[in-house]
Amino acid sequence: MTTIEEAVALARSENGLAVVATLHAAGTIQASVVNVGLLQHPDSDAQVLGFVTYGKAKLANLRARPQVTVTFRDGWQWATVEGIAEIVEQTGETLRQLRRDVFAAAGGAHDDWDEYDRVMEEQKRSVVLIRIERVYSNR
């Protein structure tokens, strides 16, 4: 059995790069590569996966159908996490800090956090947190 920590660790060398798949209304899959990190939910003790996005398709899909699949990999080793997405509706300081927390959880570091915050705000980036329901792998 693969743990969530083992799954996330597969992508550590690539700053948490993982494939995130959502479901279009037509039943097809929309997939993209994003930086994903493991962190504590800001309102509970639960571990969640988090990523920051501005993708219109991904956010629209998650609002309508919050089921999401995240696959981490390292070579031919992979682990998949299935869960339910929550788009964070916070604003201001809370959103600013959560964007930073997710970025850091994915292995990111920044020399100029003010610039990072400015770009995130300019691009209207949202935070997506994923309640972990199932983890499996090819191990």
N, C-alpha and C. Protein backbone atom coordinates (compact mmCIF):
# COMPACT_ATOMS: atom_id res chain seq x y z
N MET A 1 0.85 -1.19 0.00
CA MET A 1 0.00 0.00 0.00
C MET A 1 0.89 1.24 0.00
N THR A 2 0.61 2.15 -0.86
CA THR A 2 1.34 3.41 -0.96
C THR A 2 0.68 4.44 -0.06
N THR A 3 1.48 5.19 0.68
CA THR A 3 0.95 6.27 1.51
C THR A 3 0.93 7.56 0.71
N ILE A 4 0.21 8.55 1.21
CA ILE A 4 0.17 9.85 0.54
C ILE A 4 1.56 10.48 0.54
N GLU A 5 2.32 10.30 1.60
CA GLU A 5 3.68 10.84 1.66
C GLU A 5 4.57 10.20 0.61
N GLU A 6 4.44 8.89 0.40
CA GLU A 6 5.23 8.20 -0.63
C GLU A 6 4.82 8.67 -2.02
N ALA A 7 3.54 8.89 -2.23
CA ALA A 7 3.06 9.36 -3.53
C ALA A 7 3.65 10.73 -3.86
N VAL A 8 3.55 11.66 -2.95
CA VAL A 8 4.05 13.02 -3.17
C VAL A 8 5.57 13.01 -3.34
N ALA A 9 6.26 12.14 -2.60
CA ALA A 9 7.72 12.08 -2.67
C ALA A 9 8.22 11.72 -4.06
N LEU A 10 7.43 11.02 -4.85
CA LEU A 10 7.85 10.65 -6.20
C LEU A 10 8.18 11.89 -7.04
N ALA A 11 7.49 12.99 -6.80
CA ALA A 11 7.68 14.19 -7.62
C ALA A 11 8.55 15.24 -6.94
N ARG A 12 9.14 14.90 -5.82
CA ARG A 12 9.92 15.88 -5.06
C ARG A 12 11.04 16.48 -5.89
N SER A 13 11.72 15.69 -6.69
CA SER A 13 12.85 16.21 -7.47
C SER A 13 12.42 17.17 -8.57
N GLU A 14 11.12 17.20 -8.88
CA GLU A 14 10.60 18.11 -9.90
C GLU A 14 9.61 19.11 -9.31
N ASN A 15 9.84 19.53 -8.06
CA ASN A 15 8.99 20.52 -7.39
C ASN A 15 7.52 20.15 -7.44
N GLY A 16 7.24 18.88 -7.21
CA GLY A 16 5.85 18.44 -7.10
C GLY A 16 5.08 18.38 -8.40
N LEU A 17 5.76 18.35 -9.54
CA LEU A 17 5.03 18.28 -10.82
C LEU A 17 4.21 17.00 -10.88
N ALA A 18 2.94 17.16 -11.17
CA ALA A 18 2.01 16.03 -11.24
C ALA A 18 0.97 16.31 -12.31
N VAL A 19 0.36 15.25 -12.80
CA VAL A 19 -0.73 15.38 -13.76
C VAL A 19 -2.04 15.44 -12.97
N VAL A 20 -2.81 16.49 -13.22
CA VAL A 20 -4.11 16.66 -12.58
C VAL A 20 -5.17 16.45 -13.66
N ALA A 21 -6.11 15.54 -13.38
CA ALA A 21 -7.16 15.23 -14.34
C ALA A 21 -8.52 15.57 -13.74
N THR A 22 -9.31 16.29 -14.54
CA THR A 22 -10.68 16.63 -14.16
C THR A 22 -11.62 16.12 -15.26
N LEU A 23 -12.90 16.21 -15.00
CA LEU A 23 -13.89 15.66 -15.92
C LEU A 23 -14.69 16.78 -16.59
N HIS A 24 -14.65 16.81 -17.94
CA HIS A 24 -15.48 17.74 -18.72
C HIS A 24 -16.94 17.29 -18.62
N ALA A 25 -17.86 18.21 -18.89
CA ALA A 25 -19.29 17.90 -18.89
C ALA A 25 -19.62 16.78 -19.88
N ALA A 26 -18.89 16.71 -20.98
CA ALA A 26 -19.15 15.70 -22.01
C ALA A 26 -18.61 14.32 -21.62
N GLY A 27 -17.94 14.25 -20.46
CA GLY A 27 -17.43 12.96 -20.01
C GLY A 27 -15.99 12.69 -20.41
N THR A 28 -15.36 13.62 -21.10
CA THR A 28 -13.96 13.45 -21.46
C THR A 28 -13.07 14.00 -20.35
N ILE A 29 -11.82 13.62 -20.39
CA ILE A 29 -10.87 14.03 -19.36
C ILE A 29 -10.10 15.27 -19.81
N GLN A 30 -9.93 16.21 -18.89
CA GLN A 30 -9.07 17.36 -19.10
C GLN A 30 -7.89 17.17 -18.16
N ALA A 31 -6.68 17.12 -18.70
CA ALA A 31 -5.50 16.90 -17.88
C ALA A 31 -4.46 17.98 -18.13
N SER A 32 -3.73 18.31 -17.08
CA SER A 32 -2.64 19.27 -17.20
C SER A 32 -1.60 18.96 -16.13
N VAL A 33 -0.43 19.55 -16.29
CA VAL A 33 0.65 19.35 -15.34
C VAL A 33 0.74 20.60 -14.46
N VAL A 34 0.73 20.38 -13.15
CA VAL A 34 0.82 21.47 -12.19
C VAL A 34 1.74 21.05 -11.04
N ASN A 35 2.19 22.02 -10.25
CA ASN A 35 2.95 21.75 -9.04
C ASN A 35 1.96 21.47 -7.92
N VAL A 36 2.08 20.30 -7.29
CA VAL A 36 1.15 19.87 -6.24
C VAL A 36 1.95 19.59 -4.97
N GLY A 37 1.42 20.04 -3.85
CA GLY A 37 2.08 19.80 -2.58
C GLY A 37 1.12 19.23 -1.55
N LEU A 38 1.68 18.63 -0.52
CA LEU A 38 0.92 18.07 0.59
C LEU A 38 1.01 19.05 1.75
N LEU A 39 -0.14 19.43 2.29
CA LEU A 39 -0.18 20.38 3.39
C LEU A 39 -1.39 20.14 4.26
N GLN A 40 -1.45 20.85 5.36
CA GLN A 40 -2.59 20.75 6.26
C GLN A 40 -3.67 21.72 5.78
N HIS A 41 -4.92 21.25 5.79
CA HIS A 41 -6.04 22.11 5.42
C HIS A 41 -6.06 23.31 6.37
N PRO A 42 -6.27 24.52 5.88
CA PRO A 42 -6.22 25.69 6.75
C PRO A 42 -7.32 25.73 7.82
N ASP A 43 -8.38 24.95 7.64
CA ASP A 43 -9.49 24.96 8.59
C ASP A 43 -9.62 23.68 9.40
N SER A 44 -8.67 22.75 9.23
CA SER A 44 -8.76 21.49 9.97
C SER A 44 -7.38 20.87 10.10
N ASP A 45 -7.32 19.71 10.71
CA ASP A 45 -6.06 18.98 10.83
C ASP A 45 -5.82 18.03 9.67
N ALA A 46 -6.72 17.99 8.72
CA ALA A 46 -6.63 17.02 7.63
C ALA A 46 -5.49 17.36 6.67
N GLN A 47 -4.79 16.31 6.21
CA GLN A 47 -3.82 16.48 5.15
C GLN A 47 -4.57 16.57 3.83
N VAL A 48 -4.16 17.50 2.98
CA VAL A 48 -4.76 17.68 1.66
C VAL A 48 -3.66 17.91 0.66
N LEU A 49 -3.97 17.68 -0.59
CA LEU A 49 -3.09 18.10 -1.67
C LEU A 49 -3.54 19.49 -2.08
N GLY A 50 -2.61 20.30 -2.52
CA GLY A 50 -2.97 21.64 -2.96
C GLY A 50 -2.20 22.04 -4.19
N PHE A 51 -2.86 22.85 -5.02
CA PHE A 51 -2.18 23.46 -6.16
C PHE A 51 -2.81 24.80 -6.45
N VAL A 52 -2.08 25.63 -7.17
CA VAL A 52 -2.52 26.96 -7.54
C VAL A 52 -2.74 26.96 -9.04
N THR A 53 -3.86 27.52 -9.49
CA THR A 53 -4.17 27.48 -10.92
C THR A 53 -4.95 28.71 -11.35
N TYR A 54 -4.89 29.00 -12.62
CA TYR A 54 -5.72 30.01 -13.23
C TYR A 54 -6.48 29.43 -14.42
N GLY A 55 -6.35 28.15 -14.64
CA GLY A 55 -6.96 27.49 -15.79
C GLY A 55 -8.48 27.55 -15.76
N LYS A 56 -9.07 28.18 -16.74
CA LYS A 56 -10.53 28.31 -16.79
C LYS A 56 -11.22 26.96 -16.88
N ALA A 57 -10.72 26.07 -17.74
CA ALA A 57 -11.36 24.75 -17.93
C ALA A 57 -11.29 23.95 -16.64
N LYS A 58 -10.11 23.91 -16.04
CA LYS A 58 -9.93 23.11 -14.82
C LYS A 58 -10.85 23.61 -13.70
N LEU A 59 -10.89 24.92 -13.49
CA LEU A 59 -11.74 25.46 -12.42
C LEU A 59 -13.22 25.25 -12.71
N ALA A 60 -13.64 25.42 -13.96
CA ALA A 60 -15.04 25.19 -14.32
C ALA A 60 -15.41 23.73 -14.11
N ASN A 61 -14.52 22.83 -14.52
CA ASN A 61 -14.78 21.40 -14.32
C ASN A 61 -14.91 21.08 -12.84
N LEU A 62 -14.00 21.60 -12.03
CA LEU A 62 -14.02 21.29 -10.60
C LEU A 62 -15.22 21.89 -9.88
N ARG A 63 -15.68 23.05 -10.34
CA ARG A 63 -16.88 23.64 -9.73
C ARG A 63 -18.11 22.75 -10.00
N ALA A 64 -18.18 22.21 -11.20
CA ALA A 64 -19.34 21.39 -11.57
C ALA A 64 -19.20 19.94 -11.13
N ARG A 65 -17.98 19.43 -11.17
CA ARG A 65 -17.70 18.02 -10.84
C ARG A 65 -16.39 18.00 -10.08
N PRO A 66 -16.44 18.03 -8.76
CA PRO A 66 -15.22 18.20 -7.96
C PRO A 66 -14.32 16.97 -7.86
N GLN A 67 -14.68 15.88 -8.52
CA GLN A 67 -13.80 14.71 -8.51
C GLN A 67 -12.52 15.05 -9.27
N VAL A 68 -11.39 14.65 -8.70
CA VAL A 68 -10.11 14.97 -9.31
C VAL A 68 -9.14 13.82 -9.06
N THR A 69 -8.26 13.62 -10.04
CA THR A 69 -7.23 12.60 -9.93
C THR A 69 -5.88 13.27 -10.16
N VAL A 70 -4.92 12.94 -9.28
CA VAL A 70 -3.57 13.50 -9.38
C VAL A 70 -2.60 12.32 -9.47
N THR A 71 -1.72 12.36 -10.47
CA THR A 71 -0.72 11.31 -10.62
C THR A 71 0.67 11.90 -10.52
N PHE A 72 1.44 11.35 -9.57
CA PHE A 72 2.83 11.70 -9.36
C PHE A 72 3.68 10.60 -10.01
N ARG A 73 4.88 10.96 -10.49
CA ARG A 73 5.72 9.94 -11.10
C ARG A 73 7.19 10.27 -10.93
N ASP A 74 7.98 9.23 -11.01
CA ASP A 74 9.43 9.32 -11.06
C ASP A 74 9.87 8.15 -11.93
N GLY A 75 10.25 8.45 -13.16
CA GLY A 75 10.53 7.38 -14.11
C GLY A 75 9.27 6.56 -14.32
N TRP A 76 9.40 5.24 -14.18
CA TRP A 76 8.24 4.36 -14.37
C TRP A 76 7.47 4.12 -13.08
N GLN A 77 7.95 4.67 -11.96
CA GLN A 77 7.20 4.58 -10.71
C GLN A 77 6.13 5.66 -10.71
N TRP A 78 4.93 5.32 -10.34
CA TRP A 78 3.86 6.31 -10.27
C TRP A 78 2.94 6.00 -9.11
N ALA A 79 2.26 7.02 -8.67
CA ALA A 79 1.23 6.88 -7.63
C ALA A 79 0.12 7.86 -7.96
N THR A 80 -1.11 7.41 -7.78
CA THR A 80 -2.28 8.22 -8.11
C THR A 80 -3.09 8.46 -6.85
N VAL A 81 -3.59 9.68 -6.75
CA VAL A 81 -4.45 10.08 -5.64
C VAL A 81 -5.78 10.52 -6.22
N GLU A 82 -6.85 9.94 -5.72
CA GLU A 82 -8.20 10.37 -6.11
C GLU A 82 -8.79 11.14 -4.95
N GLY A 83 -9.54 12.17 -5.26
CA GLY A 83 -10.13 12.96 -4.19
C GLY A 83 -11.19 13.91 -4.68
N ILE A 84 -11.61 14.75 -3.75
CA ILE A 84 -12.64 15.77 -4.00
C ILE A 84 -12.00 17.14 -3.83
N ALA A 85 -12.15 17.97 -4.84
CA ALA A 85 -11.53 19.29 -4.84
C ALA A 85 -12.42 20.34 -4.18
N GLU A 86 -11.75 21.25 -3.53
CA GLU A 86 -12.39 22.43 -2.94
C GLU A 86 -11.65 23.64 -3.49
N ILE A 87 -12.34 24.52 -4.17
CA ILE A 87 -11.73 25.76 -4.64
C ILE A 87 -11.85 26.76 -3.50
N VAL A 88 -10.73 27.26 -3.04
CA VAL A 88 -10.72 28.15 -1.89
C VAL A 88 -11.29 29.50 -2.30
N GLU A 89 -12.27 29.96 -1.56
CA GLU A 89 -12.95 31.21 -1.89
C GLU A 89 -12.47 32.38 -1.03
N GLN A 90 -11.35 32.20 -0.33
CA GLN A 90 -10.80 33.26 0.51
C GLN A 90 -10.27 34.39 -0.37
N THR A 91 -10.04 35.53 0.24
CA THR A 91 -9.46 36.67 -0.46
C THR A 91 -8.41 37.31 0.44
N GLY A 92 -7.76 38.33 -0.06
CA GLY A 92 -6.84 39.13 0.73
C GLY A 92 -5.68 38.36 1.32
N GLU A 93 -5.36 38.67 2.57
CA GLU A 93 -4.21 38.09 3.26
C GLU A 93 -4.31 36.57 3.37
N THR A 94 -5.50 36.06 3.61
CA THR A 94 -5.67 34.61 3.75
C THR A 94 -5.31 33.90 2.45
N LEU A 95 -5.79 34.40 1.33
CA LEU A 95 -5.47 33.80 0.03
C LEU A 95 -3.99 33.96 -0.29
N ARG A 96 -3.43 35.13 -0.01
CA ARG A 96 -2.01 35.38 -0.26
C ARG A 96 -1.15 34.36 0.47
N GLN A 97 -1.44 34.14 1.75
CA GLN A 97 -0.65 33.20 2.54
C GLN A 97 -0.85 31.76 2.08
N LEU A 98 -2.08 31.41 1.72
CA LEU A 98 -2.36 30.05 1.27
C LEU A 98 -1.66 29.75 -0.06
N ARG A 99 -1.62 30.72 -0.97
CA ARG A 99 -0.87 30.53 -2.22
C ARG A 99 0.60 30.24 -1.92
N ARG A 100 1.17 30.99 -0.99
CA ARG A 100 2.57 30.77 -0.60
C ARG A 100 2.74 29.39 0.03
N ASP A 101 1.83 29.01 0.90
CA ASP A 101 1.92 27.72 1.59
C ASP A 101 1.86 26.56 0.59
N VAL A 102 0.97 26.65 -0.38
CA VAL A 102 0.85 25.60 -1.39
C VAL A 102 2.12 25.54 -2.23
N PHE A 103 2.62 26.69 -2.65
CA PHE A 103 3.85 26.76 -3.44
C PHE A 103 5.01 26.12 -2.69
N ALA A 104 5.16 26.46 -1.42
CA ALA A 104 6.24 25.90 -0.60
C ALA A 104 6.04 24.39 -0.38
N ALA A 105 4.80 23.95 -0.18
CA ALA A 105 4.53 22.53 0.02
C ALA A 105 4.91 21.71 -1.21
N ALA A 106 4.82 22.32 -2.38
CA ALA A 106 5.19 21.64 -3.62
C ALA A 106 6.70 21.68 -3.86
N GLY A 107 7.44 22.29 -2.95
CA GLY A 107 8.89 22.34 -3.08
C GLY A 107 9.41 23.63 -3.66
N GLY A 108 8.53 24.60 -3.82
CA GLY A 108 8.95 25.88 -4.38
C GLY A 108 9.59 26.80 -3.36
N ALA A 109 10.45 27.65 -3.83
CA ALA A 109 11.06 28.70 -3.01
C ALA A 109 11.09 29.96 -3.87
N HIS A 110 11.07 31.10 -3.24
CA HIS A 110 11.06 32.34 -4.01
C HIS A 110 11.96 33.37 -3.35
N ASP A 111 12.71 34.11 -4.17
CA ASP A 111 13.60 35.15 -3.66
C ASP A 111 12.87 36.45 -3.39
N ASP A 112 11.69 36.62 -4.00
CA ASP A 112 10.95 37.87 -3.86
C ASP A 112 9.46 37.55 -3.70
N TRP A 113 9.04 37.32 -2.46
CA TRP A 113 7.65 36.94 -2.22
C TRP A 113 6.66 38.02 -2.63
N ASP A 114 7.07 39.28 -2.52
CA ASP A 114 6.17 40.36 -2.95
C ASP A 114 5.89 40.26 -4.45
N GLU A 115 6.92 39.94 -5.23
CA GLU A 115 6.75 39.76 -6.68
C GLU A 115 5.86 38.54 -6.96
N TYR A 116 6.10 37.45 -6.23
CA TYR A 116 5.27 36.25 -6.36
C TYR A 116 3.81 36.61 -6.10
N ASP A 117 3.55 37.32 -5.00
CA ASP A 117 2.18 37.72 -4.66
C ASP A 117 1.57 38.59 -5.75
N ARG A 118 2.36 39.52 -6.28
CA ARG A 118 1.85 40.42 -7.33
C ARG A 118 1.43 39.62 -8.57
N VAL A 119 2.26 38.69 -8.99
CA VAL A 119 1.96 37.88 -10.18
C VAL A 119 0.73 37.00 -9.93
N MET A 120 0.66 36.38 -8.76
CA MET A 120 -0.49 35.52 -8.44
C MET A 120 -1.80 36.32 -8.47
N GLU A 121 -1.75 37.53 -7.95
CA GLU A 121 -2.94 38.38 -7.93
C GLU A 121 -3.28 38.87 -9.33
N GLU A 122 -2.26 39.28 -10.07
CA GLU A 122 -2.46 39.75 -11.44
C GLU A 122 -3.11 38.67 -12.31
N GLN A 123 -2.68 37.43 -12.12
CA GLN A 123 -3.21 36.32 -12.90
C GLN A 123 -4.48 35.72 -12.30
N LYS A 124 -4.91 36.26 -11.17
CA LYS A 124 -6.14 35.80 -10.49
C LYS A 124 -6.07 34.30 -10.21
N ARG A 125 -4.95 33.86 -9.71
CA ARG A 125 -4.75 32.43 -9.42
C ARG A 125 -5.60 32.00 -8.23
N SER A 126 -6.19 30.84 -8.37
CA SER A 126 -7.00 30.24 -7.31
C SER A 126 -6.23 29.10 -6.67
N VAL A 127 -6.59 28.80 -5.42
CA VAL A 127 -6.03 27.66 -4.72
C VAL A 127 -7.06 26.54 -4.73
N VAL A 128 -6.61 25.35 -5.08
CA VAL A 128 -7.46 24.16 -5.05
C VAL A 128 -6.87 23.21 -4.01
N LEU A 129 -7.72 22.79 -3.07
CA LEU A 129 -7.32 21.81 -2.06
C LEU A 129 -8.08 20.52 -2.35
N ILE A 130 -7.41 19.39 -2.20
CA ILE A 130 -8.01 18.10 -2.55
C ILE A 130 -8.09 17.23 -1.31
N ARG A 131 -9.31 16.86 -0.95
CA ARG A 131 -9.53 15.90 0.14
C ARG A 131 -9.18 14.52 -0.40
N ILE A 132 -8.23 13.88 0.22
CA ILE A 132 -7.69 12.61 -0.26
C ILE A 132 -8.65 11.48 0.07
N GLU A 133 -9.08 10.74 -0.95
CA GLU A 133 -9.98 9.61 -0.75
C GLU A 133 -9.34 8.26 -1.02
N ARG A 134 -8.40 8.22 -1.95
CA ARG A 134 -7.79 6.95 -2.33
C ARG A 134 -6.40 7.18 -2.88
N VAL A 135 -5.45 6.34 -2.49
CA VAL A 135 -4.08 6.40 -3.00
C VAL A 135 -3.70 5.02 -3.48
N TYR A 136 -3.16 4.93 -4.69
CA TYR A 136 -2.70 3.63 -5.21
C TYR A 136 -1.52 3.85 -6.14
N SER A 137 -0.78 2.78 -6.40
CA SER A 137 0.42 2.92 -7.24
C SER A 137 0.73 1.61 -7.95
N ASN A 138 1.81 1.63 -8.71
CA ASN A 138 2.26 0.42 -9.37
C ASN A 138 3.30 -0.33 -8.54
N ARG A 139 3.40 -0.01 -7.27
CA ARG A 139 4.34 -0.70 -6.37
C ARG A 139 3.65 -1.78 -5.59
